[in-house]
Amino acid sequence: MSTYIKNLILQGEHQQQDFKFQVNDSRKIARTLVAFANTDGGKLLIGVKDNGVIAGIRTEEEYHMIEAAAAMYCKPEMDFAFRHWNIDGKRILEVDVPRAQLKPVYAKTETNTWMAWIRVGDQNILADTIMIKFWKRQKSPRGTVIHYSDSEKLLLQHLSNHPIITLQNYSRLSGLPRGRAEDVIVDMMVAGLVEMAQNEHHSWFRLKDPEDEGE
């Protein structure tokens, strides 16, 4: 077995790697492509079961399904790189998905709606609406004017004394309606003072580490 592929499989599935036994639905695989692009980029190993066992792929169909997913079910259309591997007579398709420079990237669902996904651990989850607002503000050609009012001060002061806050808690604490509370948080994210984290069920906000150069 190639040492390279063996080492990848030993890592298991994680935020930047996913195993697929086979690809038989371009729409579903588009979610993984988009989730990687909206997060840190990632790698798909097609022909590998979830438990790391190499099953192999038999035809070129998997590549064409990936190609269709990137072209037809991702917006904007996505680029990817790929390599074929032959491991003990079994073929594996390695697909590399780069991190998107401009976010969000959307995947088309079964109901023909466009949704943004992110990668958290080894799962693809829907991006929170606040994260989508943040991405859109980041790429706005007009830039952003930050108003440092009592609402912004309250948010930063609270986070100076507490590790996290949720949108619901901030809205209640500040007395702001949900939409206005979202705008304040997004402003602080764009300013690089606050960052967002989320899992499948919840999202929360915390002060951003000044030494962290990531988003």
C-alpha atoms as a PDB file:
ATOM      1  CA  MET A   1       0.000   0.000   0.000  1.00  0.00           C
ATOM      2  CA  SER A   2       1.224   3.495  -0.800  1.00  0.00           C
ATOM      3  CA  THR A   3       2.604   5.062   2.381  1.00  0.00           C
ATOM      4  CA  TYR A   4       0.938   8.324   1.391  1.00  0.00           C
ATOM      5  CA  ILE A   5      -2.547   6.808   1.099  1.00  0.00           C
ATOM      6  CA  LYS A   6      -2.011   4.626   4.148  1.00  0.00           C
ATOM      7  CA  ASN A   7      -1.170   7.652   6.265  1.00  0.00           C
ATOM      8  CA  LEU A   8      -4.232   9.492   5.026  1.00  0.00           C
ATOM      9  CA  ILE A   9      -6.514   6.591   5.890  1.00  0.00           C
ATOM     10  CA  LEU A  10      -4.936   6.221   9.326  1.00  0.00           C
ATOM     11  CA  GLN A  11      -5.991   9.801  10.075  1.00  0.00           C
ATOM     12  CA  GLY A  12      -9.624   8.788   9.675  1.00  0.00           C
ATOM     13  CA  GLU A  13     -12.363  11.228   8.791  1.00  0.00           C
ATOM     14  CA  HIS A  14     -11.941  14.735  10.180  1.00  0.00           C
ATOM     15  CA  GLN A  15     -12.585  18.358   9.336  1.00  0.00           C
ATOM     16  CA  GLN A  16     -10.440  18.228   6.228  1.00  0.00           C
ATOM     17  CA  GLN A  17     -10.957  14.631   5.143  1.00  0.00           C
ATOM     18  CA  ASP A  18     -13.928  12.454   4.227  1.00  0.00           C
ATOM     19  CA  PHE A  19     -14.196   8.849   3.023  1.00  0.00           C
ATOM     20  CA  LYS A  20     -16.777   7.741   0.483  1.00  0.00           C
ATOM     21  CA  PHE A  21     -17.442   4.104  -0.377  1.00  0.00           C
ATOM     22  CA  GLN A  22     -18.928   5.295  -3.655  1.00  0.00           C
ATOM     23  CA  VAL A  23     -20.556   8.360  -5.194  1.00  0.00           C
ATOM     24  CA  ASN A  24     -24.043   7.825  -6.547  1.00  0.00           C
ATOM     25  CA  ASP A  25     -25.644  11.241  -5.942  1.00  0.00           C
ATOM     26  CA  SER A  26     -24.072  14.432  -7.261  1.00  0.00           C
ATOM     27  CA  ARG A  27     -26.312  16.642  -5.142  1.00  0.00           C
ATOM     28  CA  LYS A  28     -25.219  14.975  -1.909  1.00  0.00           C
ATOM     29  CA  ILE A  29     -21.534  15.040  -2.743  1.00  0.00           C
ATOM     30  CA  ALA A  30     -21.892  18.743  -3.602  1.00  0.00           C
ATOM     31  CA  ARG A  31     -22.602  19.382   0.084  1.00  0.00           C
ATOM     32  CA  THR A  32     -19.221  17.966   1.038  1.00  0.00           C
ATOM     33  CA  LEU A  33     -17.427  19.944  -1.669  1.00  0.00           C
ATOM     34  CA  VAL A  34     -19.106  23.150  -0.506  1.00  0.00           C
ATOM     35  CA  ALA A  35     -18.521  22.399   3.183  1.00  0.00           C
ATOM     36  CA  PHE A  36     -14.794  21.956   2.550  1.00  0.00           C
ATOM     37  CA  ALA A  37     -14.641  25.124   0.436  1.00  0.00           C
ATOM     38  CA  ASN A  38     -16.454  27.208   3.062  1.00  0.00           C
ATOM     39  CA  THR A  39     -14.183  25.996   5.863  1.00  0.00           C
ATOM     40  CA  ASP A  40     -10.523  25.008   5.466  1.00  0.00           C
ATOM     41  CA  GLY A  41     -10.545  23.031   2.234  1.00  0.00           C
ATOM     42  CA  GLY A  42     -10.317  19.262   2.327  1.00  0.00           C
ATOM     43  CA  LYS A  43      -9.799  15.919   0.741  1.00  0.00           C
ATOM     44  CA  LEU A  44     -12.195  13.182  -0.408  1.00  0.00           C
ATOM     45  CA  LEU A  45     -11.042   9.581  -0.730  1.00  0.00           C
ATOM     46  CA  ILE A  46     -13.504   7.758  -2.962  1.00  0.00           C
ATOM     47  CA  GLY A  47     -13.456   3.990  -2.683  1.00  0.00           C
ATOM     48  CA  VAL A  48     -12.739   3.947   1.069  1.00  0.00           C
ATOM     49  CA  LYS A  49     -15.363   2.903   3.609  1.00  0.00           C
ATOM     50  CA  ASP A  50     -16.095   4.949   6.739  1.00  0.00           C
ATOM     51  CA  ASN A  51     -14.046   2.483   8.813  1.00  0.00           C
ATOM     52  CA  GLY A  52     -10.997   2.967   6.570  1.00  0.00           C
ATOM     53  CA  VAL A  53     -11.303  -0.308   4.643  1.00  0.00           C
ATOM     54  CA  ILE A  54     -10.363   0.067   0.984  1.00  0.00           C
ATOM     55  CA  ALA A  55     -13.201  -1.122  -1.226  1.00  0.00           C
ATOM     56  CA  GLY A  56     -12.050   0.491  -4.466  1.00  0.00           C
ATOM     57  CA  ILE A  57     -14.087   1.957  -7.304  1.00  0.00           C
ATOM     58  CA  ARG A  58     -14.827   0.066 -10.488  1.00  0.00           C
ATOM     59  CA  THR A  59     -15.548   2.706 -13.114  1.00  0.00           C
ATOM     60  CA  GLU A  60     -14.947   6.317 -14.063  1.00  0.00           C
ATOM     61  CA  GLU A  61     -18.491   7.109 -12.964  1.00  0.00           C
ATOM     62  CA  GLU A  62     -17.370   8.457  -9.581  1.00  0.00           C
ATOM     63  CA  TYR A  63     -15.169  11.065 -11.226  1.00  0.00           C
ATOM     64  CA  HIS A  64     -18.003  12.170 -13.506  1.00  0.00           C
ATOM     65  CA  MET A  65     -20.346  12.419 -10.513  1.00  0.00           C
ATOM     66  CA  ILE A  66     -17.849  14.696  -8.744  1.00  0.00           C
ATOM     67  CA  GLU A  67     -17.431  16.735 -11.911  1.00  0.00           C
ATOM     68  CA  ALA A  68     -21.213  17.102 -12.250  1.00  0.00           C
ATOM     69  CA  ALA A  69     -21.534  18.086  -8.586  1.00  0.00           C
ATOM     70  CA  ALA A  70     -18.912  20.830  -8.936  1.00  0.00           C
ATOM     71  CA  ALA A  71     -20.359  22.182 -12.194  1.00  0.00           C
ATOM     72  CA  MET A  72     -24.114  21.795 -11.725  1.00  0.00           C
ATOM     73  CA  TYR A  73     -24.818  21.748  -8.003  1.00  0.00           C
ATOM     74  CA  CYS A  74     -22.271  24.217  -6.608  1.00  0.00           C
ATOM     75  CA  LYS A  75     -22.578  27.988  -6.894  1.00  0.00           C
ATOM     76  CA  PRO A  76     -20.229  29.338  -8.003  1.00  0.00           C
ATOM     77  CA  GLU A  77     -18.895  26.390  -9.986  1.00  0.00           C
ATOM     78  CA  MET A  78     -16.023  24.819  -8.080  1.00  0.00           C
ATOM     79  CA  ASP A  79     -12.546  23.739  -9.097  1.00  0.00           C
ATOM     80  CA  PHE A  80     -10.936  20.621  -7.709  1.00  0.00           C
ATOM     81  CA  ALA A  81      -7.868  18.477  -8.297  1.00  0.00           C
ATOM     82  CA  PHE A  82      -7.809  14.688  -8.403  1.00  0.00           C
ATOM     83  CA  ARG A  83      -5.512  11.674  -8.580  1.00  0.00           C
ATOM     84  CA  HIS A  84      -6.134   7.978  -9.179  1.00  0.00           C
ATOM     85  CA  TRP A  85      -4.392   5.432  -6.984  1.00  0.00           C
ATOM     86  CA  ASN A  86      -4.116   1.677  -7.423  1.00  0.00           C
ATOM     87  CA  ILE A  87      -3.757  -0.035  -4.051  1.00  0.00           C
ATOM     88  CA  ASP A  88      -3.459  -3.828  -4.157  1.00  0.00           C
ATOM     89  CA  GLY A  89      -5.499  -3.920  -7.337  1.00  0.00           C
ATOM     90  CA  LYS A  90      -8.182  -1.554  -5.980  1.00  0.00           C
ATOM     91  CA  ARG A  91      -8.616   1.908  -7.398  1.00  0.00           C
ATOM     92  CA  ILE A  92      -9.052   4.961  -5.168  1.00  0.00           C
ATOM     93  CA  LEU A  93      -9.946   8.449  -6.320  1.00  0.00           C
ATOM     94  CA  GLU A  94      -8.359  11.261  -4.302  1.00  0.00           C
ATOM     95  CA  VAL A  95     -10.162  14.608  -4.672  1.00  0.00           C
ATOM     96  CA  ASP A  96      -8.646  17.821  -3.302  1.00  0.00           C
ATOM     97  CA  VAL A  97     -10.987  20.752  -2.664  1.00  0.00           C
ATOM     98  CA  PRO A  98      -9.362  24.165  -2.060  1.00  0.00           C
ATOM     99  CA  ARG A  99     -10.608  26.651   0.481  1.00  0.00           C
ATOM    100  CA  ALA A 100     -12.810  29.241  -1.239  1.00  0.00           C
ATOM    101  CA  GLN A 101     -11.355  32.723  -1.517  1.00  0.00           C
ATOM    102  CA  LEU A 102     -14.833  34.247  -1.691  1.00  0.00           C
ATOM    103  CA  LYS A 103     -17.562  32.807   0.503  1.00  0.00           C
ATOM    104  CA  PRO A 104     -20.230  31.607   0.722  1.00  0.00           C
ATOM    105  CA  VAL A 105     -20.262  28.764  -1.768  1.00  0.00           C
ATOM    106  CA  TYR A 106     -23.682  27.137  -2.095  1.00  0.00           C
ATOM    107  CA  ALA A 107     -24.920  23.629  -2.862  1.00  0.00           C
ATOM    108  CA  LYS A 108     -28.245  22.953  -4.587  1.00  0.00           C
ATOM    109  CA  THR A 109     -30.596  20.795  -2.542  1.00  0.00           C
ATOM    110  CA  GLU A 110     -33.240  18.271  -3.577  1.00  0.00           C
ATOM    111  CA  THR A 111     -35.811  21.085  -3.365  1.00  0.00           C
ATOM    112  CA  ASN A 112     -33.746  23.220  -5.768  1.00  0.00           C
ATOM    113  CA  THR A 113     -32.770  25.745  -3.099  1.00  0.00           C
ATOM    114  CA  TRP A 114     -29.191  26.932  -2.657  1.00  0.00           C
ATOM    115  CA  MET A 115     -27.762  26.380   0.832  1.00  0.00           C
ATOM    116  CA  ALA A 116     -24.321  27.049   2.341  1.00  0.00           C
ATOM    117  CA  TRP A 117     -22.636  24.261   4.305  1.00  0.00           C
ATOM    118  CA  ILE A 118     -19.566  24.191   6.517  1.00  0.00           C
ATOM    119  CA  ARG A 119     -17.385  21.415   7.879  1.00  0.00           C
ATOM    120  CA  VAL A 120     -17.319  20.836  11.646  1.00  0.00           C
ATOM    121  CA  GLY A 121     -15.280  17.822  12.688  1.00  0.00           C
ATOM    122  CA  ASP A 122     -16.289  15.012  10.346  1.00  0.00           C
ATOM    123  CA  GLN A 123     -19.752  16.430   9.643  1.00  0.00           C
ATOM    124  CA  ASN A 124     -21.250  18.781   7.069  1.00  0.00           C
ATOM    125  CA  ILE A 125     -23.674  21.218   8.689  1.00  0.00           C
ATOM    126  CA  LEU A 126     -25.677  24.190   7.443  1.00  0.00           C
ATOM    127  CA  ALA A 127     -23.892  27.498   7.934  1.00  0.00           C
ATOM    128  CA  ASP A 128     -25.561  29.827  10.403  1.00  0.00           C
ATOM    129  CA  THR A 129     -27.259  32.880   8.887  1.00  0.00           C
ATOM    130  CA  ILE A 130     -24.885  35.155  10.819  1.00  0.00           C
ATOM    131  CA  MET A 131     -21.885  33.479   9.201  1.00  0.00           C
ATOM    132  CA  ILE A 132     -23.461  33.993   5.778  1.00  0.00           C
ATOM    133  CA  LYS A 133     -24.004  37.689   6.566  1.00  0.00           C
ATOM    134  CA  PHE A 134     -20.378  37.917   7.681  1.00  0.00           C
ATOM    135  CA  TRP A 135     -19.086  36.358   4.463  1.00  0.00           C
ATOM    136  CA  LYS A 136     -21.195  38.698   2.342  1.00  0.00           C
ATOM    137  CA  ARG A 137     -20.024  41.736   4.270  1.00  0.00           C
ATOM    138  CA  GLN A 138     -16.414  40.648   3.882  1.00  0.00           C
ATOM    139  CA  LYS A 139     -16.622  40.703   0.092  1.00  0.00           C
ATOM    140  CA  SER A 140     -18.646  43.917  -0.135  1.00  0.00           C
ATOM    141  CA  PRO A 141     -16.791  46.391  -2.402  1.00  0.00           C
ATOM    142  CA  ARG A 142     -18.125  49.293  -0.315  1.00  0.00           C
ATOM    143  CA  GLY A 143     -16.305  48.192   2.820  1.00  0.00           C
ATOM    144  CA  THR A 144     -17.812  48.463   6.299  1.00  0.00           C
ATOM    145  CA  VAL A 145     -18.285  51.380   8.646  1.00  0.00           C
ATOM    146  CA  ILE A 146     -18.292  50.227  12.268  1.00  0.00           C
ATOM    147  CA  HIS A 147     -20.372  52.229  14.738  1.00  0.00           C
ATOM    148  CA  TYR A 148     -18.990  51.753  18.238  1.00  0.00           C
ATOM    149  CA  SER A 149     -22.135  52.451  20.237  1.00  0.00           C
ATOM    150  CA  ASP A 150     -23.324  51.242  23.632  1.00  0.00           C
ATOM    151  CA  SER A 151     -24.576  48.021  21.982  1.00  0.00           C
ATOM    152  CA  GLU A 152     -21.120  47.139  20.683  1.00  0.00           C
ATOM    153  CA  LYS A 153     -19.509  48.119  23.986  1.00  0.00           C
ATOM    154  CA  LEU A 154     -21.942  45.880  25.875  1.00  0.00           C
ATOM    155  CA  LEU A 155     -21.087  42.901  23.671  1.00  0.00           C
ATOM    156  CA  LEU A 156     -17.331  43.328  24.084  1.00  0.00           C
ATOM    157  CA  GLN A 157     -17.619  44.013  27.796  1.00  0.00           C
ATOM    158  CA  HIS A 158     -19.685  40.872  28.323  1.00  0.00           C
ATOM    159  CA  LEU A 159     -17.183  38.763  26.385  1.00  0.00           C
ATOM    160  CA  SER A 160     -14.342  40.224  28.410  1.00  0.00           C
ATOM    161  CA  ASN A 161     -15.941  38.703  31.499  1.00  0.00           C
ATOM    162  CA  HIS A 162     -17.522  35.573  30.013  1.00  0.00           C
ATOM    163  CA  PRO A 163     -16.031  33.080  27.521  1.00  0.00           C
ATOM    164  CA  ILE A 164     -19.006  32.964  25.130  1.00  0.00           C
ATOM    165  CA  ILE A 165     -22.417  34.433  24.367  1.00  0.00           C
ATOM    166  CA  THR A 166     -25.262  33.276  22.122  1.00  0.00           C
ATOM    167  CA  LEU A 167     -27.353  35.476  19.849  1.00  0.00           C
ATOM    168  CA  GLN A 168     -30.409  34.883  22.015  1.00  0.00           C
ATOM    169  CA  ASN A 169     -28.549  35.872  25.177  1.00  0.00           C
ATOM    170  CA  TYR A 170     -27.082  38.977  23.586  1.00  0.00           C
ATOM    171  CA  SER A 171     -30.460  40.050  22.228  1.00  0.00           C
ATOM    172  CA  ARG A 172     -31.980  39.674  25.682  1.00  0.00           C
ATOM    173  CA  LEU A 173     -29.059  41.353  27.446  1.00  0.00           C
ATOM    174  CA  SER A 174     -28.991  44.346  25.099  1.00  0.00           C
ATOM    175  CA  GLY A 175     -32.722  44.662  24.551  1.00  0.00           C
ATOM    176  CA  LEU A 176     -32.128  44.676  20.792  1.00  0.00           C
ATOM    177  CA  PRO A 177     -34.424  42.854  18.369  1.00  0.00           C
ATOM    178  CA  ARG A 178     -32.870  39.756  16.845  1.00  0.00           C
ATOM    179  CA  GLY A 179     -32.076  41.344  13.482  1.00  0.00           C
ATOM    180  CA  ARG A 180     -30.325  44.331  15.040  1.00  0.00           C
ATOM    181  CA  ALA A 181     -28.423  42.056  17.445  1.00  0.00           C
ATOM    182  CA  GLU A 182     -27.215  40.024  14.461  1.00  0.00           C
ATOM    183  CA  ASP A 183     -25.965  43.201  12.763  1.00  0.00           C
ATOM    184  CA  VAL A 184     -23.987  44.246  15.839  1.00  0.00           C
ATOM    185  CA  ILE A 185     -22.328  40.837  16.091  1.00  0.00           C
ATOM    186  CA  VAL A 186     -21.508  40.806  12.378  1.00  0.00           C
ATOM    187  CA  ASP A 187     -19.961  44.283  12.704  1.00  0.00           C
ATOM    188  CA  MET A 188     -17.690  43.025  15.471  1.00  0.00           C
ATOM    189  CA  MET A 189     -16.782  39.965  13.403  1.00  0.00           C
ATOM    190  CA  VAL A 190     -15.887  42.116  10.397  1.00  0.00           C
ATOM    191  CA  ALA A 191     -13.787  44.321  12.703  1.00  0.00           C
ATOM    192  CA  GLY A 192     -11.871  41.213  13.789  1.00  0.00           C
ATOM    193  CA  LEU A 193     -12.896  41.497  17.436  1.00  0.00           C
ATOM    194  CA  VAL A 194     -15.380  38.623  17.696  1.00  0.00           C
ATOM    195  CA  GLU A 195     -15.485  35.183  16.102  1.00  0.00           C
ATOM    196  CA  MET A 196     -18.202  32.601  15.706  1.00  0.00           C
ATOM    197  CA  ALA A 197     -18.235  28.875  16.416  1.00  0.00           C
ATOM    198  CA  GLN A 198     -21.003  26.396  15.802  1.00  0.00           C
ATOM    199  CA  ASN A 199     -21.931  22.734  15.869  1.00  0.00           C
ATOM    200  CA  GLU A 200     -24.901  20.869  14.464  1.00  0.00           C
ATOM    201  CA  HIS A 201     -27.313  22.330  16.999  1.00  0.00           C
ATOM    202  CA  HIS A 202     -25.911  25.582  18.383  1.00  0.00           C
ATOM    203  CA  SER A 203     -23.819  28.630  17.530  1.00  0.00           C
ATOM    204  CA  TRP A 204     -21.993  30.995  19.873  1.00  0.00           C
ATOM    205  CA  PHE A 205     -19.580  33.905  19.867  1.00  0.00           C
ATOM    206  CA  ARG A 206     -16.340  34.727  21.663  1.00  0.00           C
ATOM    207  CA  LEU A 207     -13.566  37.275  21.584  1.00  0.00           C
ATOM    208  CA  LYS A 208     -11.145  36.622  18.773  1.00  0.00           C
ATOM    209  CA  ASP A 209      -7.569  35.866  19.706  1.00  0.00           C
ATOM    210  CA  PRO A 210      -5.518  38.817  18.358  1.00  0.00           C
ATOM    211  CA  GLU A 211      -2.765  36.388  17.374  1.00  0.00           C
ATOM    212  CA  ASP A 212      -5.163  34.319  15.270  1.00  0.00           C
ATOM    213  CA  GLU A 213      -4.794  35.299  11.635  1.00  0.00           C
ATOM    214  CA  GLY A 214      -7.568  32.961  10.473  1.00  0.00           C
ATOM    215  CA  GLU A 215     -11.129  34.044   9.890  1.00  0.00           C
END
